[in-house]
Amino acid sequence: WAVMSIVLQATTGRVDESLTKNMLLPLAERMIAKMAKEKKMEQEQETHLYLMVLELQKKFQEALNILDGPVGKQLEDKTSYWELCNTKKIDYLKKLQKWEQVNSLAKDVLQQNPDQWSLYLDYITSVFHIIDDNIENKGEVNDETVDKGIEDAVSFITFQQDHHTKCRAPFLAQMELQSRLIARRDPTVDEKDM
């Protein structure tokens, strides 16, 4: 309760922004980090509060580290929300602009749960960011699980359609991909491939 009252004071109270940023939120973070270190976090709401404190401070890498650590594992085991951890991870990875990891994680989750429309949006967004990053930096994607281009995205979406014919999301994903390609006016797109 003490941590939550500090967070509420920081977010809803009439407190100076510098006080919130420099004192209240770091204090709340230290208090809840101590609880985590002492393994006193037993309820998923405490982990949600920890993540909220980190999000308010825009410490997305730290939040990602929490989800990848023992506290995140405990949350994954106990959570009543379906796919909460993966959804949070993708959200943090997007904010950190780690598009290859967004792509890989979105594909993994979509293979298990092929009708999650919002994940197809993240997947398609990550493909375009990877393409743009490769054009700008002339870099290569080393991870074989990451889709590097439009052909890979079409292949993955087609695979999902073929293996999950009763799911709507893969078919919507195909239309979304086409729509974004048209919006980009990408000259390398062959309409026959779509």
N, C-alpha and C. Protein backbone atom coordinates (compact mmCIF):
# COMPACT_ATOMS: atom_id res chain seq x y z
N TRP A 1 0.82 -1.19 0.00
CA TRP A 1 0.00 0.00 0.00
C TRP A 1 0.86 1.25 0.00
N ALA A 2 1.96 1.19 0.68
CA ALA A 2 2.83 2.37 0.76
C ALA A 2 3.33 2.76 -0.63
N VAL A 3 3.74 1.78 -1.42
CA VAL A 3 4.23 2.06 -2.77
C VAL A 3 3.10 2.62 -3.62
N MET A 4 1.93 2.02 -3.52
CA MET A 4 0.80 2.49 -4.33
C MET A 4 0.42 3.90 -3.96
N SER A 5 0.47 4.25 -2.69
CA SER A 5 0.12 5.61 -2.29
C SER A 5 1.13 6.62 -2.85
N ILE A 6 2.39 6.24 -2.91
CA ILE A 6 3.40 7.11 -3.51
C ILE A 6 3.15 7.27 -5.00
N VAL A 7 2.82 6.17 -5.67
CA VAL A 7 2.53 6.23 -7.11
C VAL A 7 1.30 7.11 -7.36
N LEU A 8 0.27 6.94 -6.55
CA LEU A 8 -0.93 7.78 -6.71
C LEU A 8 -0.62 9.25 -6.46
N GLN A 9 0.19 9.50 -5.47
CA GLN A 9 0.58 10.89 -5.21
C GLN A 9 1.35 11.46 -6.39
N ALA A 10 2.19 10.64 -7.00
CA ALA A 10 3.00 11.10 -8.13
C ALA A 10 2.16 11.32 -9.39
N THR A 11 1.13 10.49 -9.57
CA THR A 11 0.38 10.55 -10.83
C THR A 11 -0.89 11.39 -10.75
N THR A 12 -1.53 11.43 -9.60
CA THR A 12 -2.80 12.15 -9.52
C THR A 12 -2.76 13.36 -8.60
N GLY A 13 -1.74 13.43 -7.78
CA GLY A 13 -1.65 14.54 -6.85
C GLY A 13 -1.18 15.81 -7.54
N ARG A 14 -1.29 16.89 -6.83
CA ARG A 14 -0.83 18.16 -7.36
C ARG A 14 0.61 18.38 -6.91
N VAL A 15 1.45 17.54 -7.42
CA VAL A 15 2.86 17.56 -7.04
C VAL A 15 3.66 18.06 -8.22
N ASP A 16 4.68 18.82 -7.92
CA ASP A 16 5.57 19.33 -8.95
C ASP A 16 6.17 18.17 -9.75
N GLU A 17 6.27 18.36 -11.06
CA GLU A 17 6.77 17.29 -11.93
C GLU A 17 8.19 16.88 -11.58
N SER A 18 9.02 17.84 -11.22
CA SER A 18 10.41 17.50 -10.86
C SER A 18 10.45 16.68 -9.56
N LEU A 19 9.55 16.96 -8.64
CA LEU A 19 9.47 16.17 -7.41
C LEU A 19 9.05 14.73 -7.73
N THR A 20 8.08 14.62 -8.61
CA THR A 20 7.62 13.29 -9.04
C THR A 20 8.75 12.52 -9.69
N LYS A 21 9.43 13.18 -10.61
CA LYS A 21 10.48 12.53 -11.41
C LYS A 21 11.72 12.21 -10.58
N ASN A 22 12.09 13.12 -9.69
CA ASN A 22 13.35 12.97 -8.97
C ASN A 22 13.23 12.32 -7.61
N MET A 23 12.03 12.32 -7.02
CA MET A 23 11.93 11.76 -5.69
C MET A 23 10.86 10.67 -5.54
N LEU A 24 9.62 10.97 -5.92
CA LEU A 24 8.53 10.04 -5.62
C LEU A 24 8.65 8.72 -6.39
N LEU A 25 8.81 8.80 -7.70
CA LEU A 25 8.88 7.56 -8.48
C LEU A 25 10.15 6.76 -8.18
N PRO A 26 11.32 7.40 -8.07
CA PRO A 26 12.50 6.61 -7.66
C PRO A 26 12.35 5.97 -6.28
N LEU A 27 11.69 6.68 -5.36
CA LEU A 27 11.43 6.11 -4.03
C LEU A 27 10.54 4.87 -4.14
N ALA A 28 9.46 5.00 -4.92
CA ALA A 28 8.56 3.85 -5.12
C ALA A 28 9.31 2.69 -5.77
N GLU A 29 10.18 3.00 -6.72
CA GLU A 29 10.95 1.95 -7.39
C GLU A 29 11.88 1.25 -6.41
N ARG A 30 12.57 2.02 -5.58
CA ARG A 30 13.48 1.41 -4.59
C ARG A 30 12.72 0.53 -3.60
N MET A 31 11.56 1.00 -3.18
CA MET A 31 10.76 0.23 -2.21
C MET A 31 10.32 -1.10 -2.81
N ILE A 32 9.83 -1.05 -4.03
CA ILE A 32 9.32 -2.29 -4.63
C ILE A 32 10.47 -3.19 -5.10
N ALA A 33 11.59 -2.60 -5.49
CA ALA A 33 12.76 -3.40 -5.85
C ALA A 33 13.28 -4.16 -4.63
N LYS A 34 13.22 -3.52 -3.48
CA LYS A 34 13.63 -4.18 -2.24
C LYS A 34 12.72 -5.37 -1.96
N MET A 35 11.42 -5.18 -2.16
CA MET A 35 10.48 -6.29 -1.97
C MET A 35 10.82 -7.45 -2.91
N ALA A 36 11.14 -7.12 -4.15
CA ALA A 36 11.48 -8.16 -5.13
C ALA A 36 12.77 -8.87 -4.73
N LYS A 37 13.75 -8.08 -4.29
CA LYS A 37 15.04 -8.67 -3.91
C LYS A 37 14.88 -9.60 -2.71
N GLU A 38 14.01 -9.23 -1.80
CA GLU A 38 13.78 -10.05 -0.62
C GLU A 38 12.75 -11.16 -0.88
N LYS A 39 12.31 -11.27 -2.10
CA LYS A 39 11.34 -12.29 -2.54
C LYS A 39 10.03 -12.21 -1.75
N LYS A 40 9.58 -10.98 -1.53
CA LYS A 40 8.33 -10.77 -0.82
C LYS A 40 7.18 -10.44 -1.76
N MET A 41 7.44 -10.48 -3.05
CA MET A 41 6.38 -10.22 -4.03
C MET A 41 5.66 -11.52 -4.33
N GLU A 42 4.49 -11.67 -3.76
CA GLU A 42 3.78 -12.92 -3.89
C GLU A 42 2.55 -12.83 -4.79
N GLN A 43 2.07 -11.62 -5.03
CA GLN A 43 0.86 -11.45 -5.83
C GLN A 43 1.20 -10.76 -7.14
N GLU A 44 0.44 -11.09 -8.16
CA GLU A 44 0.72 -10.51 -9.47
C GLU A 44 0.50 -9.01 -9.49
N GLN A 45 -0.36 -8.48 -8.63
CA GLN A 45 -0.61 -7.04 -8.58
C GLN A 45 0.66 -6.29 -8.18
N GLU A 46 1.47 -6.89 -7.35
CA GLU A 46 2.72 -6.26 -6.94
C GLU A 46 3.67 -6.14 -8.13
N THR A 47 3.70 -7.17 -8.96
CA THR A 47 4.53 -7.12 -10.16
C THR A 47 3.99 -6.08 -11.13
N HIS A 48 2.68 -6.01 -11.27
CA HIS A 48 2.07 -4.98 -12.12
C HIS A 48 2.46 -3.59 -11.62
N LEU A 49 2.45 -3.40 -10.33
CA LEU A 49 2.82 -2.11 -9.74
C LEU A 49 4.28 -1.80 -10.04
N TYR A 50 5.14 -2.79 -9.92
CA TYR A 50 6.57 -2.62 -10.22
C TYR A 50 6.73 -2.17 -11.67
N LEU A 51 6.06 -2.85 -12.58
CA LEU A 51 6.13 -2.49 -13.99
C LEU A 51 5.57 -1.09 -14.24
N MET A 52 4.49 -0.74 -13.55
CA MET A 52 3.89 0.59 -13.71
C MET A 52 4.87 1.68 -13.27
N VAL A 53 5.55 1.47 -12.16
CA VAL A 53 6.53 2.44 -11.67
C VAL A 53 7.65 2.62 -12.71
N LEU A 54 8.12 1.52 -13.26
CA LEU A 54 9.17 1.60 -14.28
C LEU A 54 8.66 2.28 -15.55
N GLU A 55 7.44 1.97 -15.95
CA GLU A 55 6.86 2.60 -17.14
C GLU A 55 6.71 4.11 -16.95
N LEU A 56 6.27 4.53 -15.78
CA LEU A 56 6.11 5.97 -15.52
C LEU A 56 7.44 6.71 -15.61
N GLN A 57 8.52 5.99 -15.34
CA GLN A 57 9.85 6.59 -15.45
C GLN A 57 10.48 6.34 -16.82
N LYS A 58 9.73 5.68 -17.69
CA LYS A 58 10.21 5.32 -19.03
C LYS A 58 11.47 4.45 -18.99
N LYS A 59 11.52 3.57 -18.01
CA LYS A 59 12.62 2.63 -17.87
C LYS A 59 12.18 1.29 -18.47
N PHE A 60 12.07 1.29 -19.78
CA PHE A 60 11.53 0.12 -20.46
C PHE A 60 12.50 -1.05 -20.47
N GLN A 61 13.80 -0.78 -20.56
CA GLN A 61 14.77 -1.88 -20.53
C GLN A 61 14.75 -2.58 -19.17
N GLU A 62 14.64 -1.80 -18.11
CA GLU A 62 14.57 -2.38 -16.77
C GLU A 62 13.29 -3.21 -16.61
N ALA A 63 12.18 -2.70 -17.15
CA ALA A 63 10.92 -3.44 -17.09
C ALA A 63 11.05 -4.76 -17.87
N LEU A 64 11.72 -4.71 -19.00
CA LEU A 64 11.95 -5.92 -19.79
C LEU A 64 12.81 -6.91 -19.01
N ASN A 65 13.82 -6.39 -18.31
CA ASN A 65 14.67 -7.25 -17.49
C ASN A 65 13.87 -7.91 -16.37
N ILE A 66 12.92 -7.17 -15.79
CA ILE A 66 12.07 -7.73 -14.74
C ILE A 66 11.25 -8.88 -15.31
N LEU A 67 10.67 -8.67 -16.49
CA LEU A 67 9.85 -9.73 -17.09
C LEU A 67 10.67 -10.95 -17.48
N ASP A 68 11.94 -10.73 -17.82
CA ASP A 68 12.80 -11.85 -18.21
C ASP A 68 13.41 -12.56 -17.00
N GLY A 69 13.30 -11.95 -15.82
CA GLY A 69 13.90 -12.51 -14.62
C GLY A 69 12.92 -13.36 -13.81
N PRO A 70 13.31 -13.67 -12.57
CA PRO A 70 12.48 -14.52 -11.72
C PRO A 70 11.11 -13.91 -11.39
N VAL A 71 11.05 -12.59 -11.24
CA VAL A 71 9.78 -11.94 -10.95
C VAL A 71 8.82 -12.12 -12.13
N GLY A 72 9.35 -11.97 -13.34
CA GLY A 72 8.53 -12.18 -14.54
C GLY A 72 8.08 -13.62 -14.69
N LYS A 73 8.95 -14.54 -14.35
CA LYS A 73 8.59 -15.96 -14.41
C LYS A 73 7.46 -16.26 -13.44
N GLN A 74 7.55 -15.67 -12.25
CA GLN A 74 6.50 -15.84 -11.25
C GLN A 74 5.18 -15.24 -11.77
N LEU A 75 5.26 -14.07 -12.40
CA LEU A 75 4.06 -13.44 -12.96
C LEU A 75 3.46 -14.31 -14.06
N GLU A 76 4.31 -14.85 -14.91
CA GLU A 76 3.84 -15.69 -16.01
C GLU A 76 3.11 -16.92 -15.49
N ASP A 77 3.60 -17.47 -14.39
CA ASP A 77 2.98 -18.66 -13.80
C ASP A 77 1.66 -18.35 -13.12
N LYS A 78 1.55 -17.15 -12.55
CA LYS A 78 0.38 -16.83 -11.73
C LYS A 78 -0.66 -15.95 -12.41
N THR A 79 -0.31 -15.33 -13.51
CA THR A 79 -1.19 -14.31 -14.07
C THR A 79 -2.52 -14.87 -14.54
N SER A 80 -3.53 -14.08 -14.33
CA SER A 80 -4.87 -14.47 -14.80
C SER A 80 -5.14 -13.89 -16.18
N TYR A 81 -4.21 -13.08 -16.67
CA TYR A 81 -4.37 -12.45 -17.98
C TYR A 81 -3.63 -13.29 -19.02
N TRP A 82 -4.36 -13.64 -20.04
CA TRP A 82 -3.80 -14.47 -21.10
C TRP A 82 -2.73 -13.69 -21.87
N GLU A 83 -1.57 -14.23 -21.97
CA GLU A 83 -0.47 -13.66 -22.74
C GLU A 83 -0.02 -12.28 -22.25
N LEU A 84 -0.23 -11.97 -20.99
CA LEU A 84 0.16 -10.66 -20.46
C LEU A 84 1.66 -10.42 -20.61
N CYS A 85 2.46 -11.37 -20.23
CA CYS A 85 3.92 -11.17 -20.25
C CYS A 85 4.44 -10.92 -21.65
N ASN A 86 3.99 -11.71 -22.61
CA ASN A 86 4.46 -11.51 -23.98
C ASN A 86 3.96 -10.19 -24.55
N THR A 87 2.75 -9.81 -24.22
CA THR A 87 2.21 -8.53 -24.70
C THR A 87 3.03 -7.38 -24.12
N LYS A 88 3.34 -7.45 -22.84
CA LYS A 88 4.16 -6.41 -22.21
C LYS A 88 5.56 -6.38 -22.82
N LYS A 89 6.15 -7.56 -23.03
CA LYS A 89 7.48 -7.62 -23.62
C LYS A 89 7.49 -6.97 -25.00
N ILE A 90 6.50 -7.27 -25.81
CA ILE A 90 6.44 -6.68 -27.14
C ILE A 90 6.27 -5.18 -27.05
N ASP A 91 5.45 -4.72 -26.13
CA ASP A 91 5.25 -3.29 -25.94
C ASP A 91 6.57 -2.60 -25.57
N TYR A 92 7.32 -3.18 -24.64
CA TYR A 92 8.59 -2.59 -24.23
C TYR A 92 9.61 -2.65 -25.37
N LEU A 93 9.66 -3.76 -26.08
CA LEU A 93 10.59 -3.87 -27.20
C LEU A 93 10.29 -2.84 -28.29
N LYS A 94 9.01 -2.58 -28.53
CA LYS A 94 8.64 -1.55 -29.52
C LYS A 94 9.11 -0.18 -29.04
N LYS A 95 8.92 0.11 -27.77
CA LYS A 95 9.35 1.42 -27.24
C LYS A 95 10.86 1.56 -27.28
N LEU A 96 11.56 0.45 -27.16
CA LEU A 96 13.03 0.45 -27.25
C LEU A 96 13.50 0.33 -28.70
N GLN A 97 12.59 0.18 -29.62
CA GLN A 97 12.85 0.03 -31.06
C GLN A 97 13.77 -1.16 -31.36
N LYS A 98 13.52 -2.25 -30.69
CA LYS A 98 14.25 -3.49 -30.93
C LYS A 98 13.38 -4.36 -31.84
N TRP A 99 13.37 -3.98 -33.10
CA TRP A 99 12.39 -4.54 -34.05
C TRP A 99 12.64 -6.00 -34.36
N GLU A 100 13.89 -6.43 -34.37
CA GLU A 100 14.17 -7.85 -34.64
C GLU A 100 13.59 -8.73 -33.53
N GLN A 101 13.71 -8.27 -32.29
CA GLN A 101 13.16 -9.02 -31.17
C GLN A 101 11.64 -8.98 -31.17
N VAL A 102 11.05 -7.83 -31.57
CA VAL A 102 9.60 -7.74 -31.70
C VAL A 102 9.14 -8.77 -32.73
N ASN A 103 9.83 -8.83 -33.84
CA ASN A 103 9.47 -9.74 -34.93
C ASN A 103 9.53 -11.19 -34.46
N SER A 104 10.61 -11.55 -33.84
CA SER A 104 10.80 -12.94 -33.40
C SER A 104 9.76 -13.35 -32.35
N LEU A 105 9.55 -12.49 -31.36
CA LEU A 105 8.58 -12.80 -30.31
C LEU A 105 7.16 -12.83 -30.85
N ALA A 106 6.81 -11.89 -31.71
CA ALA A 106 5.47 -11.87 -32.30
C ALA A 106 5.22 -13.15 -33.10
N LYS A 107 6.22 -13.58 -33.87
CA LYS A 107 6.06 -14.82 -34.63
C LYS A 107 5.85 -16.02 -33.71
N ASP A 108 6.64 -16.08 -32.64
CA ASP A 108 6.51 -17.20 -31.70
C ASP A 108 5.10 -17.25 -31.10
N VAL A 109 4.60 -16.10 -30.67
CA VAL A 109 3.28 -16.06 -30.05
C VAL A 109 2.20 -16.36 -31.09
N LEU A 110 2.37 -15.84 -32.30
CA LEU A 110 1.37 -16.08 -33.35
C LEU A 110 1.32 -17.55 -33.77
N GLN A 111 2.42 -18.25 -33.68
CA GLN A 111 2.40 -19.67 -34.02
C GLN A 111 1.61 -20.45 -32.97
N GLN A 112 1.62 -19.97 -31.74
CA GLN A 112 0.85 -20.64 -30.69
C GLN A 112 -0.61 -20.17 -30.68
N ASN A 113 -0.82 -18.89 -30.98
CA ASN A 113 -2.15 -18.27 -30.93
C ASN A 113 -2.37 -17.48 -32.22
N PRO A 114 -2.74 -18.16 -33.29
CA PRO A 114 -2.75 -17.54 -34.62
C PRO A 114 -3.85 -16.51 -34.86
N ASP A 115 -4.78 -16.33 -33.95
CA ASP A 115 -5.87 -15.41 -34.22
C ASP A 115 -5.75 -14.10 -33.43
N GLN A 116 -4.54 -13.75 -33.03
CA GLN A 116 -4.32 -12.50 -32.30
C GLN A 116 -4.00 -11.38 -33.29
N TRP A 117 -5.02 -10.66 -33.65
CA TRP A 117 -4.90 -9.62 -34.68
C TRP A 117 -3.89 -8.55 -34.29
N SER A 118 -3.89 -8.10 -33.07
CA SER A 118 -2.98 -7.02 -32.67
C SER A 118 -1.51 -7.43 -32.83
N LEU A 119 -1.23 -8.70 -32.65
CA LEU A 119 0.15 -9.15 -32.82
C LEU A 119 0.57 -9.16 -34.29
N TYR A 120 -0.37 -9.41 -35.18
CA TYR A 120 -0.03 -9.31 -36.60
C TYR A 120 0.35 -7.87 -36.95
N LEU A 121 -0.34 -6.90 -36.35
CA LEU A 121 0.01 -5.50 -36.60
C LEU A 121 1.43 -5.22 -36.13
N ASP A 122 1.78 -5.72 -34.95
CA ASP A 122 3.15 -5.54 -34.45
C ASP A 122 4.16 -6.27 -35.33
N TYR A 123 3.79 -7.46 -35.76
CA TYR A 123 4.68 -8.24 -36.64
C TYR A 123 4.94 -7.49 -37.94
N ILE A 124 3.89 -7.00 -38.58
CA ILE A 124 4.03 -6.29 -39.86
C ILE A 124 4.83 -4.99 -39.66
N THR A 125 4.54 -4.28 -38.59
CA THR A 125 5.29 -3.06 -38.29
C THR A 125 6.77 -3.37 -38.14
N SER A 126 7.08 -4.46 -37.45
CA SER A 126 8.49 -4.83 -37.23
C SER A 126 9.17 -5.17 -38.55
N VAL A 127 8.47 -5.83 -39.46
CA VAL A 127 9.06 -6.17 -40.76
C VAL A 127 9.46 -4.90 -41.50
N PHE A 128 8.57 -3.91 -41.52
CA PHE A 128 8.89 -2.66 -42.23
C PHE A 128 10.04 -1.91 -41.56
N HIS A 129 10.10 -1.93 -40.24
CA HIS A 129 11.22 -1.27 -39.55
C HIS A 129 12.53 -2.00 -39.84
N ILE A 130 12.50 -3.31 -39.90
CA ILE A 130 13.72 -4.08 -40.22
C ILE A 130 14.17 -3.75 -41.63
N ILE A 131 13.24 -3.69 -42.56
CA ILE A 131 13.59 -3.33 -43.95
C ILE A 131 14.21 -1.94 -43.98
N ASP A 132 13.56 -0.98 -43.33
CA ASP A 132 14.08 0.40 -43.33
C ASP A 132 15.44 0.49 -42.66
N ASP A 133 15.63 -0.23 -41.55
CA ASP A 133 16.93 -0.22 -40.86
C ASP A 133 18.01 -0.82 -41.74
N ASN A 134 17.69 -1.88 -42.47
CA ASN A 134 18.68 -2.51 -43.34
C ASN A 134 19.04 -1.60 -44.51
N ILE A 135 18.08 -0.84 -45.01
CA ILE A 135 18.36 0.10 -46.10
C ILE A 135 19.25 1.23 -45.60
N GLU A 136 18.92 1.80 -44.44
CA GLU A 136 19.68 2.92 -43.89
C GLU A 136 21.07 2.51 -43.45
N ASN A 137 21.17 1.42 -42.75
CA ASN A 137 22.45 1.01 -42.15
C ASN A 137 23.21 0.00 -42.97
N LYS A 138 22.60 -0.48 -44.03
CA LYS A 138 23.19 -1.54 -44.84
C LYS A 138 23.62 -2.71 -43.96
N GLY A 139 22.83 -2.92 -42.91
CA GLY A 139 23.13 -3.99 -41.97
C GLY A 139 22.45 -5.28 -42.39
N GLU A 140 22.89 -6.33 -41.82
CA GLU A 140 22.30 -7.64 -42.07
C GLU A 140 21.69 -8.15 -40.78
N VAL A 141 20.58 -8.83 -40.92
CA VAL A 141 19.95 -9.48 -39.78
C VAL A 141 20.57 -10.86 -39.64
N ASN A 142 21.13 -11.12 -38.48
CA ASN A 142 21.83 -12.38 -38.27
C ASN A 142 20.93 -13.48 -37.75
N ASP A 143 19.84 -13.11 -37.12
CA ASP A 143 18.93 -14.08 -36.53
C ASP A 143 18.08 -14.72 -37.63
N GLU A 144 18.16 -16.01 -37.73
CA GLU A 144 17.43 -16.74 -38.77
C GLU A 144 15.92 -16.75 -38.54
N THR A 145 15.49 -16.55 -37.29
CA THR A 145 14.06 -16.58 -36.99
C THR A 145 13.36 -15.27 -37.35
N VAL A 146 14.14 -14.24 -37.66
CA VAL A 146 13.58 -12.92 -37.96
C VAL A 146 13.26 -12.83 -39.45
N ASP A 147 12.08 -12.32 -39.77
CA ASP A 147 11.70 -12.10 -41.16
C ASP A 147 12.29 -10.78 -41.62
N LYS A 148 13.11 -10.85 -42.67
CA LYS A 148 13.90 -9.71 -43.10
C LYS A 148 13.25 -8.87 -44.19
N GLY A 149 12.22 -9.41 -44.83
CA GLY A 149 11.65 -8.68 -45.95
C GLY A 149 10.20 -9.08 -46.22
N ILE A 150 9.67 -8.47 -47.26
CA ILE A 150 8.27 -8.69 -47.63
C ILE A 150 8.03 -10.16 -47.99
N GLU A 151 8.97 -10.77 -48.69
CA GLU A 151 8.80 -12.17 -49.09
C GLU A 151 8.65 -13.06 -47.87
N ASP A 152 9.48 -12.80 -46.86
CA ASP A 152 9.40 -13.58 -45.62
C ASP A 152 8.05 -13.37 -44.93
N ALA A 153 7.59 -12.11 -44.92
CA ALA A 153 6.31 -11.80 -44.27
C ALA A 153 5.16 -12.49 -45.00
N VAL A 154 5.18 -12.44 -46.33
CA VAL A 154 4.13 -13.10 -47.12
C VAL A 154 4.16 -14.60 -46.86
N SER A 155 5.35 -15.16 -46.81
CA SER A 155 5.49 -16.59 -46.56
C SER A 155 4.93 -16.97 -45.18
N PHE A 156 5.26 -16.20 -44.16
CA PHE A 156 4.76 -16.49 -42.82
C PHE A 156 3.24 -16.36 -42.75
N ILE A 157 2.71 -15.29 -43.30
CA ILE A 157 1.26 -15.06 -43.26
C ILE A 157 0.54 -16.15 -44.05
N THR A 158 1.07 -16.53 -45.19
CA THR A 158 0.46 -17.61 -46.00
C THR A 158 0.50 -18.93 -45.24
N PHE A 159 1.61 -19.21 -44.57
CA PHE A 159 1.72 -20.41 -43.75
C PHE A 159 0.63 -20.41 -42.68
N GLN A 160 0.45 -19.26 -42.02
CA GLN A 160 -0.57 -19.15 -40.97
C GLN A 160 -1.97 -19.37 -41.56
N GLN A 161 -2.21 -18.82 -42.74
CA GLN A 161 -3.52 -19.00 -43.39
C GLN A 161 -3.76 -20.48 -43.73
N ASP A 162 -2.74 -21.13 -44.27
CA ASP A 162 -2.88 -22.52 -44.68
C ASP A 162 -3.10 -23.47 -43.49
N HIS A 163 -2.47 -23.16 -42.36
CA HIS A 163 -2.55 -24.05 -41.20
C HIS A 163 -3.63 -23.68 -40.19
N HIS A 164 -4.23 -22.51 -40.37
CA HIS A 164 -5.27 -22.05 -39.45
C HIS A 164 -6.42 -21.43 -40.25
N THR A 165 -7.05 -22.27 -41.03
CA THR A 165 -8.06 -21.77 -41.98
C THR A 165 -9.30 -21.18 -41.30
N LYS A 166 -9.55 -21.53 -40.05
CA LYS A 166 -10.74 -21.01 -39.37
C LYS A 166 -10.46 -19.70 -38.62
N CYS A 167 -9.22 -19.27 -38.63
CA CYS A 167 -8.85 -18.02 -37.95
C CYS A 167 -8.92 -16.86 -38.95
N ARG A 168 -9.46 -15.75 -38.50
CA ARG A 168 -9.59 -14.58 -39.37
C ARG A 168 -8.32 -13.74 -39.43
N ALA A 169 -7.58 -13.69 -38.34
CA ALA A 169 -6.44 -12.77 -38.24
C ALA A 169 -5.40 -12.95 -39.34
N PRO A 170 -5.03 -14.17 -39.73
CA PRO A 170 -4.04 -14.28 -40.81
C PRO A 170 -4.52 -13.68 -42.14
N PHE A 171 -5.80 -13.78 -42.39
CA PHE A 171 -6.34 -13.21 -43.63
C PHE A 171 -6.41 -11.69 -43.55
N LEU A 172 -6.73 -11.20 -42.37
CA LEU A 172 -6.70 -9.75 -42.16
C LEU A 172 -5.27 -9.22 -42.27
N ALA A 173 -4.32 -10.02 -41.79
CA ALA A 173 -2.91 -9.63 -41.85
C ALA A 173 -2.45 -9.48 -43.30
N GLN A 174 -2.93 -10.36 -44.16
CA GLN A 174 -2.57 -10.25 -45.58
C GLN A 174 -3.08 -8.92 -46.15
N MET A 175 -4.32 -8.57 -45.82
CA MET A 175 -4.88 -7.30 -46.30
C MET A 175 -4.13 -6.11 -45.71
N GLU A 176 -3.76 -6.21 -44.44
CA GLU A 176 -3.00 -5.13 -43.79
C GLU A 176 -1.64 -4.95 -44.46
N LEU A 177 -0.97 -6.05 -44.75
CA LEU A 177 0.33 -5.99 -45.41
C LEU A 177 0.18 -5.34 -46.79
N GLN A 178 -0.82 -5.75 -47.53
CA GLN A 178 -1.06 -5.14 -48.85
C GLN A 178 -1.34 -3.65 -48.72
N SER A 179 -2.15 -3.28 -47.76
CA SER A 179 -2.50 -1.89 -47.54
C SER A 179 -1.26 -1.05 -47.22
N ARG A 180 -0.42 -1.57 -46.38
CA ARG A 180 0.79 -0.82 -46.01
C ARG A 180 1.77 -0.72 -47.17
N LEU A 181 1.83 -1.78 -47.97
CA LEU A 181 2.70 -1.72 -49.15
C LEU A 181 2.20 -0.67 -50.14
N ILE A 182 0.90 -0.62 -50.32
CA ILE A 182 0.33 0.40 -51.21
C ILE A 182 0.60 1.79 -50.64
N ALA A 183 0.43 1.95 -49.34
CA ALA A 183 0.66 3.24 -48.70
C ALA A 183 2.12 3.68 -48.85
N ARG A 184 3.01 2.73 -48.83
CA ARG A 184 4.45 3.04 -49.00
C ARG A 184 4.80 3.24 -50.46
N ARG A 185 3.92 2.78 -51.33
CA ARG A 185 4.17 2.82 -52.77
C ARG A 185 5.51 2.17 -53.10
N ASP A 186 5.67 1.00 -52.56
CA ASP A 186 6.92 0.27 -52.72
C ASP A 186 7.00 -0.29 -54.14
N PRO A 187 7.96 0.17 -54.96
CA PRO A 187 8.05 -0.28 -56.36
C PRO A 187 8.53 -1.73 -56.51
N THR A 188 9.09 -2.31 -55.46
CA THR A 188 9.62 -3.67 -55.56
C THR A 188 8.55 -4.73 -55.34
N VAL A 189 7.33 -4.31 -55.05
CA VAL A 189 6.28 -5.26 -54.76
C VAL A 189 5.69 -5.79 -56.06
N ASP A 190 5.61 -7.09 -56.13
CA ASP A 190 4.98 -7.74 -57.26
C ASP A 190 3.58 -8.14 -56.82
N GLU A 191 2.57 -7.59 -57.43
CA GLU A 191 1.19 -7.83 -56.99
C GLU A 191 0.81 -9.31 -57.10
N LYS A 192 1.47 -10.05 -57.95
CA LYS A 192 1.16 -11.47 -58.09
C LYS A 192 1.51 -12.24 -56.82
N ASP A 193 2.52 -11.75 -56.07
CA ASP A 193 2.94 -12.44 -54.86
C ASP A 193 1.94 -12.30 -53.74
N MET A 194 1.09 -11.28 -53.81
CA MET A 194 0.13 -11.04 -52.75
C MET A 194 -1.08 -11.85 -53.05
